């Protein structure tokens, strides 16, 4: 029968547990000296070795030939625990056995001595799922259990454990395993399984595992068949796990740096056509933004989390200020949360996020304002905005010219004064939407939306329909995905064109903010 890699290569001794030296050293010493506690609490994120260490501890306290605090793995006690036939070692999943009757059944068994082992070990996984009454039933027993009983509690959410339980256990916190340690473990498993795993691919898998050895082995197992006996490289890992290729993310942020909205949307079209998850794309964007901030603060290449080359991340980081990167993170995180919360229009939400990345004027968040202010300060400091900041001088009266000698009825075309700068054309980005009444007619079945639109100001910018509203409640209603889709359908029926709908604050007037727009364009 086939056995999953994370089960086949589960550590059998404390020394095999990687990344938890602070835990295994103490447990080995306690087993060697015989100073075993009556209750332990193992807490930490998933896949870091909590349940594995609990089973190793159960073998160590019952081993007939203990070797320097490590179970021998050959005696009858170790073999029975490993095979799952030991009746004195009970593993309980509190996620599905969290009632008070389940705990009372355990407490009723404590009075009986072990059937074949030296101690009875109760491993309660996901202990934070127990009910309040179940905790109360466990409390007294956990405080003064019989000498032949050891409790091992495991949890991923320490904050949900009552203080009365915490005070009665020895607590060990399992940390996230470093990416390099996971990669080395993956290379060891691949050699044992005769797999050709590239080390760069192993590092990519280990970063995706997020500190979990079990997740890393599961991800490796999903890439084995994709390689079809060949080398498992970064390309196969990215393709199998639905990640954006290295160059895709680099091209995307280069387009954002140049504020090329069309290039960003084209890259998104290619990504979407490959049937990859948009949620994964936003996760990759967040990881790349995190890496750029990390590199700008002097971080090393070993600490990168994204699927991109360190040199390219460093080059991209030089194109953005810290405030703008923080703005990128807020936009990508907001879009990702909306993708998780809504099942419709995921592509539209991602496209609007890319538009906001390219132009912060489409967002009224504090991060967007900080990014715009930083851009203005940089432009002023470099002096590139001096001409656009300087107000245009008032036109001076034209000097008197001598009377022309030509025939009086012949007129020469008037020449522009060289001192007067050419008049700046009105910004064509956003224009008033001229079909408001027609739009409202097509929303006759939604009187609530129609009234909110009538009290708002509408504008168009290319294929984008912008709704300006100074009412936060109206903004929340109009920005709802289903309502925005209905408004877009009404706009298409009224004008015959497709529009992407976005909702923002009141329109920025030309008087004061024109300076902001001029400096940003500069």
Protein backbone atom coordinates (compact mmCIF):
# COMPACT_ATOMS: atom_id res chain seq x y z
CA UNK A 1 0.00 0.00 0.00
CA UNK A 2 1.34 3.42 -0.98
CA UNK A 3 2.31 5.67 1.92
CA UNK A 4 2.46 9.44 1.70
CA UNK A 5 5.92 10.97 1.97
CA UNK A 6 5.15 12.92 5.14
CA UNK A 7 4.04 9.66 6.82
CA UNK A 8 6.83 7.54 5.41
CA UNK A 9 9.53 9.96 6.54
CA UNK A 10 8.00 10.99 9.87
CA UNK A 11 10.80 11.31 12.48
CA UNK A 12 11.14 8.35 14.85
CA UNK A 13 13.57 9.93 17.35
CA UNK A 14 14.04 13.36 18.84
CA UNK A 15 17.21 13.85 16.79
CA UNK A 16 15.25 13.49 13.56
CA UNK A 17 12.96 16.44 14.38
CA UNK A 18 14.38 19.43 12.51
CA UNK A 19 14.18 23.07 13.51
CA UNK A 20 13.13 22.43 17.13
CA UNK A 21 16.45 22.09 18.98
CA UNK A 22 15.11 23.95 22.01
CA UNK A 23 12.36 21.34 22.45
CA UNK A 24 14.13 18.09 21.69
CA UNK A 25 17.08 18.88 23.97
CA UNK A 26 14.83 19.33 27.02
CA UNK A 27 12.67 16.30 26.23
CA UNK A 28 15.70 14.04 25.75
CA UNK A 29 17.17 15.16 29.07
CA UNK A 30 13.90 14.57 30.90
CA UNK A 31 13.55 11.08 29.44
CA UNK A 32 17.17 10.26 30.27
CA UNK A 33 16.90 11.41 33.88
CA UNK A 34 13.37 10.07 34.39
CA UNK A 35 11.96 13.47 35.41
CA UNK A 36 8.87 13.16 33.26
CA UNK A 37 6.14 15.74 33.78
CA UNK A 38 2.53 14.66 34.15
CA UNK A 39 1.26 17.09 31.46
CA UNK A 40 2.80 18.78 28.41
CA UNK A 41 1.41 21.41 26.07
CA UNK A 42 2.90 21.57 22.56
CA UNK A 43 1.85 24.72 20.67
CA UNK A 44 2.87 26.08 17.30
CA UNK A 45 1.86 26.33 13.66
CA UNK A 46 0.92 23.33 11.56
CA UNK A 47 3.49 20.80 10.40
CA UNK A 48 6.24 21.75 12.85
CA UNK A 49 6.40 18.42 14.71
CA UNK A 50 3.98 18.69 17.64
CA UNK A 51 2.15 15.38 17.20
CA UNK A 52 5.33 13.69 16.01
CA UNK A 53 7.20 14.78 19.14
CA UNK A 54 4.28 13.60 21.29
CA UNK A 55 4.51 10.10 19.77
CA UNK A 56 8.29 10.04 20.19
CA UNK A 57 7.81 11.07 23.84
CA UNK A 58 5.28 8.26 24.30
CA UNK A 59 7.86 5.77 22.98
CA UNK A 60 10.66 7.24 25.08
CA UNK A 61 8.77 7.00 28.41
CA UNK A 62 7.87 3.36 27.66
CA UNK A 63 11.05 2.20 25.88
CA UNK A 64 12.67 -0.91 27.34
CA UNK A 65 16.13 0.02 26.04
CA UNK A 66 16.40 3.80 26.24
CA UNK A 67 19.57 5.16 24.61
CA UNK A 68 20.66 8.62 25.82
CA UNK A 69 17.07 9.76 26.11
CA UNK A 70 16.13 8.38 22.67
CA UNK A 71 13.75 5.45 22.07
CA UNK A 72 15.47 2.42 20.59
CA UNK A 73 12.71 1.73 18.06
CA UNK A 74 13.31 -2.03 18.30
CA UNK A 75 11.74 -3.17 21.56
CA UNK A 76 8.17 -4.41 21.79
CA UNK A 77 6.95 -1.16 23.36
CA UNK A 78 8.40 1.04 20.58
CA UNK A 79 7.14 -1.25 17.84
CA UNK A 80 3.62 -1.46 19.25
CA UNK A 81 3.39 2.33 19.57
CA UNK A 82 4.76 2.80 16.07
CA UNK A 83 2.30 0.29 14.61
CA UNK A 84 -0.62 1.83 16.49
CA UNK A 85 -1.46 -1.40 18.37
CA UNK A 86 -0.55 -0.17 21.85
CA UNK A 87 -3.72 0.16 23.88
CA UNK A 88 -1.98 2.26 26.52
CA UNK A 89 -1.27 5.12 24.09
CA UNK A 90 -4.44 6.91 23.04
CA UNK A 91 -4.48 9.69 20.44
CA UNK A 92 -7.66 11.80 20.55
CA UNK A 93 -8.65 14.43 18.00
CA UNK A 94 -10.40 17.16 19.97
CA UNK A 95 -11.80 18.67 16.78
CA UNK A 96 -14.27 15.78 16.47
CA UNK A 97 -14.28 14.57 20.11
CA UNK A 98 -14.71 17.80 21.99
CA UNK A 99 -17.69 17.07 24.20
CA UNK A 100 -17.64 16.61 27.94
CA UNK A 101 -18.58 12.93 27.63
CA UNK A 102 -15.46 12.25 25.56
CA UNK A 103 -13.23 13.70 28.28
CA UNK A 104 -15.13 11.94 31.07
CA UNK A 105 -14.59 8.60 29.35
CA UNK A 106 -10.85 9.28 29.47
CA UNK A 107 -10.95 10.31 33.12
CA UNK A 108 -12.82 7.11 34.04
CA UNK A 109 -10.02 4.99 32.55
CA UNK A 110 -7.20 6.67 34.47
CA UNK A 111 -7.65 4.52 37.58
CA UNK A 112 -6.61 1.38 35.69
CA UNK A 113 -2.90 0.61 35.37
CA UNK A 114 -1.28 0.15 31.96
CA UNK A 115 -2.04 -3.11 30.22
CA UNK A 116 1.39 -3.76 28.70
CA UNK A 117 3.49 -0.58 28.91
CA UNK A 118 5.07 1.32 31.79
CA UNK A 119 2.90 4.44 31.38
CA UNK A 120 -0.39 5.39 29.78
CA UNK A 121 0.00 8.35 27.41
CA UNK A 122 -2.97 10.44 26.25
CA UNK A 123 -2.28 12.65 23.21
CA UNK A 124 -5.07 15.20 22.68
CA UNK A 125 -4.60 17.01 19.36
CA UNK A 126 -6.24 20.38 18.58
CA UNK A 127 -7.06 20.75 22.26
CA UNK A 128 -8.31 24.31 21.73
CA UNK A 129 -11.47 22.82 20.18
CA UNK A 130 -12.73 21.45 23.51
CA UNK A 131 -15.86 22.97 24.96
CA UNK A 132 -15.91 24.85 28.26
CA UNK A 133 -17.52 21.92 30.07
CA UNK A 134 -14.93 19.54 28.63
CA UNK A 135 -12.15 21.78 29.95
CA UNK A 136 -13.76 21.72 33.38
CA UNK A 137 -13.94 17.92 33.30
CA UNK A 138 -10.25 17.73 32.35
CA UNK A 139 -9.06 20.34 34.82
CA UNK A 140 -8.91 18.36 38.07
CA UNK A 141 -7.58 15.23 36.38
CA UNK A 142 -4.91 17.23 34.59
CA UNK A 143 -3.75 18.77 37.85
CA UNK A 144 -3.29 15.50 39.80
CA UNK A 145 -3.29 12.50 37.47
CA UNK A 146 -2.07 9.07 38.59
CA UNK A 147 1.67 8.46 38.43
CA UNK A 148 1.35 6.09 35.47
CA UNK A 149 -0.44 8.68 33.26
CA UNK A 150 1.10 11.36 30.99
CA UNK A 151 -0.98 13.92 29.11
CA UNK A 152 0.34 15.57 25.94
CA UNK A 153 -1.85 18.39 24.59
CA UNK A 154 -1.21 19.88 21.13
CA UNK A 155 -2.69 23.05 19.67
CA UNK A 156 -2.20 25.55 16.88
CA UNK A 157 -4.07 28.35 18.68
CA UNK A 158 -2.56 28.95 22.08
CA UNK A 159 -4.73 31.99 22.73
CA UNK A 160 -7.83 29.77 23.00
CA UNK A 161 -6.47 27.65 25.85
CA UNK A 162 -7.83 28.64 29.28
CA UNK A 163 -5.22 29.94 31.75
CA UNK A 164 -6.22 27.23 34.23
CA UNK A 165 -5.07 24.60 31.72
CA UNK A 166 -1.89 26.48 30.82
CA UNK A 167 -0.80 26.71 34.45
CA UNK A 168 -0.95 22.93 34.86
CA UNK A 169 1.23 22.00 31.86
CA UNK A 170 4.82 22.29 30.78
CA UNK A 171 4.60 24.43 27.66
CA UNK A 172 6.83 24.02 24.60
CA UNK A 173 6.46 26.37 21.63
CA UNK A 174 7.30 24.87 18.26
CA UNK A 175 8.71 27.44 15.87
CA UNK A 176 8.39 27.65 12.10
CA UNK A 177 11.13 25.60 10.49
CA UNK A 178 13.62 27.71 8.47
CA UNK A 179 13.30 27.42 4.70
CA UNK A 180 16.83 26.10 4.26
CA UNK A 181 16.25 23.30 6.79
CA UNK A 182 13.09 22.27 4.95
CA UNK A 183 14.94 22.36 1.63
CA UNK A 184 17.68 20.11 3.00
CA UNK A 185 15.04 17.70 4.27
CA UNK A 186 13.40 17.67 0.83
CA UNK A 187 16.74 16.92 -0.79
CA UNK A 188 17.28 14.02 1.64
CA UNK A 189 13.84 12.59 0.87
CA UNK A 190 14.39 12.99 -2.89
CA UNK A 191 17.68 11.10 -2.70
CA UNK A 192 16.02 8.34 -0.69
CA UNK A 193 13.20 8.10 -3.25
CA UNK A 194 15.57 8.37 -6.28
CA UNK A 195 14.02 11.67 -7.33
CA UNK A 196 15.93 14.34 -9.24
CA UNK A 197 15.07 17.48 -7.31
CA UNK A 198 16.81 20.75 -8.14
CA UNK A 199 17.92 22.68 -5.06
CA UNK A 200 16.36 25.92 -6.33
CA UNK A 201 13.07 24.07 -6.69
CA UNK A 202 13.51 22.70 -3.18
CA UNK A 203 14.02 26.25 -1.88
CA UNK A 204 10.90 27.42 -3.71
CA UNK A 205 8.85 24.59 -2.20
CA UNK A 206 10.24 25.31 1.26
CA UNK A 207 9.28 28.99 0.98
CA UNK A 208 5.76 27.99 -0.07
CA UNK A 209 5.57 25.59 2.88
CA UNK A 210 5.77 28.59 5.24
CA UNK A 211 7.71 26.79 7.96
CA UNK A 212 5.77 23.50 7.76
CA UNK A 213 7.79 20.38 6.95
CA UNK A 214 4.61 18.37 6.32
CA UNK A 215 3.38 20.94 3.80
CA UNK A 216 6.76 20.89 2.08
CA UNK A 217 6.66 17.11 1.65
CA UNK A 218 3.07 17.26 0.40
CA UNK A 219 3.99 19.91 -2.18
CA UNK A 220 6.97 17.84 -3.31
CA UNK A 221 4.75 14.80 -3.70
CA UNK A 222 2.37 16.74 -5.96
CA UNK A 223 5.29 17.69 -8.24
CA UNK A 224 6.69 14.17 -8.63
CA UNK A 225 4.18 12.99 -11.23
CA UNK A 226 4.40 16.29 -13.11
CA UNK A 227 8.13 15.71 -13.67
CA UNK A 228 7.40 12.23 -15.13
CA UNK A 229 10.72 10.87 -13.96
CA UNK A 230 12.70 13.92 -15.01
CA UNK A 231 14.27 16.73 -13.05
CA UNK A 232 11.94 18.62 -10.73
CA UNK A 233 12.96 22.24 -11.37
CA UNK A 234 11.44 25.63 -10.58
CA UNK A 235 9.42 25.65 -13.78
CA UNK A 236 7.68 22.39 -12.95
CA UNK A 237 7.00 23.53 -9.39
CA UNK A 238 5.54 26.85 -10.56
CA UNK A 239 3.41 25.14 -13.22
CA UNK A 240 2.14 22.37 -10.94
CA UNK A 241 1.33 24.64 -7.98
CA UNK A 242 -0.26 27.39 -10.09
CA UNK A 243 2.36 30.04 -9.41
CA UNK A 244 3.24 32.98 -11.59
CA UNK A 245 6.48 32.48 -13.47
CA UNK A 246 9.50 34.52 -12.44
CA UNK A 247 9.30 36.86 -15.41
CA UNK A 248 5.55 37.35 -15.09
CA UNK A 249 5.81 39.06 -11.72
CA UNK A 250 8.86 41.02 -12.82
CA UNK A 251 7.10 42.24 -15.97
CA UNK A 252 4.04 43.14 -13.94
CA UNK A 253 5.89 45.37 -11.50
CA UNK A 254 7.94 46.93 -14.29
CA UNK A 255 4.66 47.91 -15.95
CA UNK A 256 3.45 49.29 -12.60
CA UNK A 257 6.66 51.29 -12.26
CA UNK A 258 6.03 52.88 -15.66
CA UNK A 259 2.31 53.30 -14.84
CA UNK A 260 1.37 51.30 -17.94
CA UNK A 261 -2.16 50.14 -17.19
CA UNK A 262 -2.61 48.47 -20.57
CA UNK A 263 0.52 46.33 -20.11
CA UNK A 264 -0.67 45.25 -16.65
CA UNK A 265 -4.06 44.22 -17.97
CA UNK A 266 -2.46 42.34 -20.86
CA UNK A 267 -0.28 40.37 -18.44
CA UNK A 268 -3.36 39.61 -16.37
CA UNK A 269 -5.14 38.35 -19.50
CA UNK A 270 -2.29 35.92 -20.20
CA UNK A 271 -2.28 34.73 -16.59
CA UNK A 272 -6.06 34.31 -16.52
CA UNK A 273 -6.05 32.41 -19.81
CA UNK A 274 -3.71 29.83 -18.27
CA UNK A 275 -6.51 28.92 -15.79
CA UNK A 276 -4.41 29.84 -12.77
CA UNK A 277 -5.91 31.16 -9.56
CA UNK A 278 -6.15 34.93 -9.20
CA UNK A 279 -5.86 34.49 -5.44
CA UNK A 280 -2.46 32.87 -5.96
CA UNK A 281 -1.48 35.79 -8.21
CA UNK A 282 -2.30 38.28 -5.45
CA UNK A 283 -0.42 36.12 -2.95
CA UNK A 284 2.61 36.24 -5.26
CA UNK A 285 2.25 40.02 -5.53
CA UNK A 286 2.17 40.36 -1.74
CA UNK A 287 5.24 38.15 -1.45
CA UNK A 288 7.08 40.23 -4.07
CA UNK A 289 6.15 43.48 -2.31
CA UNK A 290 7.31 42.03 0.98
CA UNK A 291 10.62 40.99 -0.62
CA UNK A 292 11.15 44.47 -2.10
CA UNK A 293 10.61 46.07 1.31
CA UNK A 294 12.88 43.42 2.84
CA UNK A 295 15.65 44.10 0.33
CA UNK A 296 15.36 47.89 0.73
CA UNK A 297 15.98 47.45 4.46
CA UNK A 298 19.17 45.46 3.80
CA UNK A 299 17.75 41.93 3.87
CA UNK A 300 19.68 39.03 2.38
CA UNK A 301 18.66 36.80 -0.52
CA UNK A 302 18.12 33.81 1.81
CA UNK A 303 15.17 35.57 3.41
CA UNK A 304 13.18 36.12 0.21
CA UNK A 305 9.75 34.51 -0.02
CA UNK A 306 8.64 35.18 -3.59
CA UNK A 307 9.27 33.12 -6.71
CA UNK A 308 11.62 35.71 -8.21
CA UNK A 309 15.33 36.12 -8.62
CA UNK A 310 17.09 38.11 -5.89
CA UNK A 311 18.84 40.40 -8.40
CA UNK A 312 15.54 41.24 -10.12
CA UNK A 313 13.84 41.89 -6.78
CA UNK A 314 16.65 44.27 -5.86
CA UNK A 315 16.32 46.05 -9.20
CA UNK A 316 12.56 46.40 -8.80
CA UNK A 317 12.93 47.66 -5.23
CA UNK A 318 15.02 50.58 -6.44
CA UNK A 319 12.06 51.75 -8.57
CA UNK A 320 9.69 52.28 -5.65
CA UNK A 321 9.67 54.22 -2.40
CA UNK A 322 8.71 52.57 0.87
CA UNK A 323 5.40 54.44 1.02
CA UNK A 324 4.42 53.24 -2.43
CA UNK A 325 5.31 49.64 -1.58
CA UNK A 326 3.16 49.89 1.53
CA UNK A 327 0.36 51.17 -0.70
CA UNK A 328 0.88 48.19 -3.04
CA UNK A 329 0.55 45.82 -0.10
CA UNK A 330 -2.69 47.42 1.10
CA UNK A 331 -4.27 47.30 -2.38
CA UNK A 332 -3.26 43.67 -3.01
CA UNK A 333 -4.41 42.57 0.44
CA UNK A 334 -7.76 44.32 0.04
CA UNK A 335 -8.29 42.70 -3.36
CA UNK A 336 -7.35 39.28 -2.02
CA UNK A 337 -9.79 39.59 0.87
CA UNK A 338 -12.53 40.52 -1.58
CA UNK A 339 -11.72 37.50 -3.73
CA UNK A 340 -12.08 35.25 -0.70
CA UNK A 341 -15.29 36.94 0.40
CA UNK A 342 -17.03 37.03 -2.99
CA UNK A 343 -17.42 34.36 -5.65
CA UNK A 344 -18.25 36.68 -8.57
CA UNK A 345 -16.20 39.09 -10.70
CA UNK A 346 -12.83 37.96 -9.42
CA UNK A 347 -11.19 39.14 -12.61
CA UNK A 348 -12.75 42.60 -12.32
CA UNK A 349 -11.55 42.96 -8.73
CA UNK A 350 -8.00 42.01 -9.78
CA UNK A 351 -8.09 44.40 -12.75
CA UNK A 352 -9.19 47.28 -10.53
CA UNK A 353 -6.38 46.44 -8.13
CA UNK A 354 -3.85 46.69 -10.97
CA UNK A 355 -5.32 50.03 -12.05
CA UNK A 356 -4.95 51.32 -8.48
CA UNK A 357 -1.35 50.11 -8.38
CA UNK A 358 -0.53 52.10 -11.49
CA UNK A 359 -2.39 55.25 -10.43
CA UNK A 360 -2.84 56.06 -6.75
CA UNK A 361 -5.44 58.70 -7.61
CA UNK A 362 -8.02 55.93 -7.93
CA UNK A 363 -7.70 55.16 -4.23
CA UNK A 364 -8.56 57.39 -1.29
CA UNK A 365 -6.82 55.26 1.34
CA UNK A 366 -4.22 56.77 3.70
CA UNK A 367 -1.53 54.63 2.07
CA UNK A 368 -2.40 56.07 -1.35
CA UNK A 369 -2.20 59.61 0.01
CA UNK A 370 1.18 58.88 1.61
CA UNK A 371 2.48 57.44 -1.66
CA UNK A 372 1.35 60.53 -3.60
CA UNK A 373 2.89 62.91 -1.07
CA UNK A 374 6.18 61.00 -1.21
CA UNK A 375 6.17 61.21 -5.02
CA UNK A 376 5.62 64.97 -4.83
CA UNK A 377 8.38 65.45 -2.29
CA UNK A 378 10.77 63.45 -4.46
CA UNK A 379 9.84 65.49 -7.51
CA UNK A 380 10.34 68.76 -5.65
CA UNK A 381 13.67 67.64 -4.20
CA UNK A 382 15.00 66.66 -7.62
CA UNK A 383 13.87 69.94 -9.14
CA UNK A 384 12.08 68.22 -11.97
CA UNK A 385 8.79 69.80 -10.93
CA UNK A 386 10.07 73.35 -10.63
CA UNK A 387 8.66 74.44 -13.95
CA UNK A 388 5.28 72.86 -13.32
CA UNK A 389 5.10 74.28 -9.80
CA UNK A 390 5.94 77.82 -10.92
CA UNK A 391 2.73 79.72 -11.71
CA UNK A 392 2.37 81.00 -15.20
CA UNK A 393 3.24 84.73 -15.39
CA UNK A 394 0.54 87.17 -16.34
CA UNK A 395 0.74 88.08 -20.01
CA UNK A 396 2.59 91.36 -20.44
CA UNK A 397 1.19 93.97 -22.81
CA UNK A 398 2.65 93.58 -26.24
CA UNK A 399 5.26 96.26 -27.07
CA UNK A 400 4.34 98.80 -29.68
CA UNK A 401 5.52 97.77 -33.10
CA UNK A 402 6.33 100.12 -35.96
CA UNK A 403 3.66 100.44 -38.54
CA UNK A 404 4.13 97.88 -41.25
CA UNK A 405 5.30 99.13 -44.65
CA UNK A 406 3.17 96.65 -46.51
CA UNK A 407 -0.29 97.25 -47.85
CA UNK A 408 -2.64 97.99 -44.95
CA UNK A 409 -5.23 95.42 -45.92
CA UNK A 410 -2.65 92.59 -45.73
CA UNK A 411 -2.50 91.05 -42.22
CA UNK A 412 0.21 88.78 -40.92
CA UNK A 413 -0.76 85.92 -38.55
CA UNK A 414 -0.21 86.84 -34.92
CA UNK A 415 2.87 85.27 -33.39
CA UNK A 416 2.85 83.94 -29.86
CA UNK A 417 5.02 85.72 -27.37
CA UNK A 418 8.05 83.60 -26.52
CA UNK A 419 7.79 84.68 -22.89
CA UNK A 420 4.31 83.26 -22.52
CA UNK A 421 4.32 79.46 -21.99
CA UNK A 422 1.91 77.47 -24.10
CA UNK A 423 -1.46 76.98 -22.48
CA UNK A 424 -1.78 73.62 -20.78
CA UNK A 425 -4.46 71.49 -22.32
CA UNK A 426 -7.21 70.29 -20.05
CA UNK A 427 -6.42 66.90 -18.62
CA UNK A 428 -8.22 64.30 -20.72
CA UNK A 429 -8.09 61.53 -18.14
CA UNK A 430 -11.58 61.91 -16.69
CA UNK A 431 -14.65 63.42 -18.35
CA UNK A 432 -18.19 63.86 -17.07
CA UNK A 433 -20.49 60.94 -17.82
CA UNK A 434 -23.16 62.27 -20.19
CA UNK A 435 -25.66 59.42 -19.94
CA UNK A 436 -26.67 59.63 -16.29
CA UNK A 437 -30.40 59.84 -17.02
CA UNK A 438 -30.24 56.90 -19.45
CA UNK A 439 -28.26 54.92 -16.87
CA UNK A 440 -30.89 55.60 -14.21
CA UNK A 441 -33.64 54.51 -16.57
CA UNK A 442 -32.02 51.10 -16.92
CA UNK A 443 -31.87 50.88 -13.11
CA UNK A 444 -35.61 51.38 -12.65
CA UNK A 445 -35.87 48.07 -10.81
CA UNK A 446 -33.25 49.20 -8.28
CA UNK A 447 -34.55 52.44 -6.82
CA UNK A 448 -32.00 52.36 -4.00
CA UNK A 449 -29.02 52.31 -6.37
CA UNK A 450 -30.65 54.86 -8.69
CA UNK A 451 -31.11 57.37 -5.86
CA UNK A 452 -27.52 56.95 -4.71
CA UNK A 453 -26.25 57.50 -8.27
CA UNK A 454 -28.43 60.57 -8.71
CA UNK A 455 -26.85 62.06 -5.57
CA UNK A 456 -23.35 61.25 -6.82
CA UNK A 457 -21.12 62.63 -9.57
CA UNK A 458 -20.18 60.34 -12.45
CA UNK A 459 -17.17 60.49 -14.71
CA UNK A 460 -15.52 58.33 -17.35
CA UNK A 461 -11.87 57.64 -17.97
CA UNK A 462 -11.38 55.38 -20.95
CA UNK A 463 -13.22 52.18 -20.11
CA UNK A 464 -13.65 53.07 -16.45
CA UNK A 465 -16.87 54.50 -15.00
CA UNK A 466 -16.01 56.45 -11.84
CA UNK A 467 -18.69 57.23 -9.24
CA UNK A 468 -17.74 60.08 -6.90
CA UNK A 469 -19.65 60.14 -3.61
CA UNK A 470 -18.96 61.92 -0.34
CA UNK A 471 -21.24 59.57 1.60
CA UNK A 472 -19.36 56.55 3.08
CA UNK A 473 -22.60 54.57 3.28
CA UNK A 474 -23.33 55.21 -0.39
CA UNK A 475 -19.75 54.21 -1.28
CA UNK A 476 -20.11 50.89 0.55
CA UNK A 477 -23.43 50.13 -1.19
CA UNK A 478 -22.29 51.11 -4.69
CA UNK A 479 -18.92 49.31 -4.37
CA UNK A 480 -20.62 46.01 -3.61
CA UNK A 481 -19.61 43.57 -6.34
CA UNK A 482 -23.16 42.61 -7.31
CA UNK A 483 -24.30 46.25 -7.39
CA UNK A 484 -21.23 47.33 -9.38
CA UNK A 485 -21.93 44.59 -11.91
CA UNK A 486 -25.53 45.76 -12.29
CA UNK A 487 -24.40 49.38 -12.75
CA UNK A 488 -21.93 48.25 -15.41
CA UNK A 489 -24.68 46.34 -17.21
CA UNK A 490 -26.94 49.42 -17.12
CA UNK A 491 -24.11 51.60 -18.47
CA UNK A 492 -23.55 49.14 -21.30
CA UNK A 493 -27.27 49.19 -22.13
CA UNK A 494 -27.30 53.00 -22.07
CA UNK A 495 -24.15 53.64 -24.10
CA UNK A 496 -23.37 50.41 -25.93
CA UNK A 497 -19.89 50.30 -24.33
CA UNK A 498 -18.43 48.12 -21.60
CA UNK A 499 -17.33 49.93 -18.46
CA UNK A 500 -15.50 48.80 -15.34
CA UNK A 501 -17.16 50.48 -12.35
CA UNK A 502 -15.20 51.95 -9.43
CA UNK A 503 -16.45 54.01 -6.49
CA UNK A 504 -14.36 56.67 -4.80
CA UNK A 505 -14.66 59.86 -2.80
CA UNK A 506 -15.76 63.28 -4.04
CA UNK A 507 -14.14 64.57 -7.21
CA UNK A 508 -10.92 66.51 -6.71
CA UNK A 509 -11.46 69.99 -8.08
CA UNK A 510 -9.08 71.74 -10.40
CA UNK A 511 -8.12 74.62 -8.10
CA UNK A 512 -5.86 73.00 -5.53
CA UNK A 513 -5.23 69.43 -6.65
CA UNK A 514 -4.10 70.48 -10.14
CA UNK A 515 -0.65 70.96 -8.65
CA UNK A 516 -0.69 67.36 -7.41
CA UNK A 517 -1.68 66.04 -10.82
CA UNK A 518 0.92 68.12 -12.63
CA UNK A 519 3.71 66.98 -10.33
CA UNK A 520 2.70 63.34 -10.60
CA UNK A 521 2.69 63.51 -14.39
CA UNK A 522 6.05 65.20 -14.26
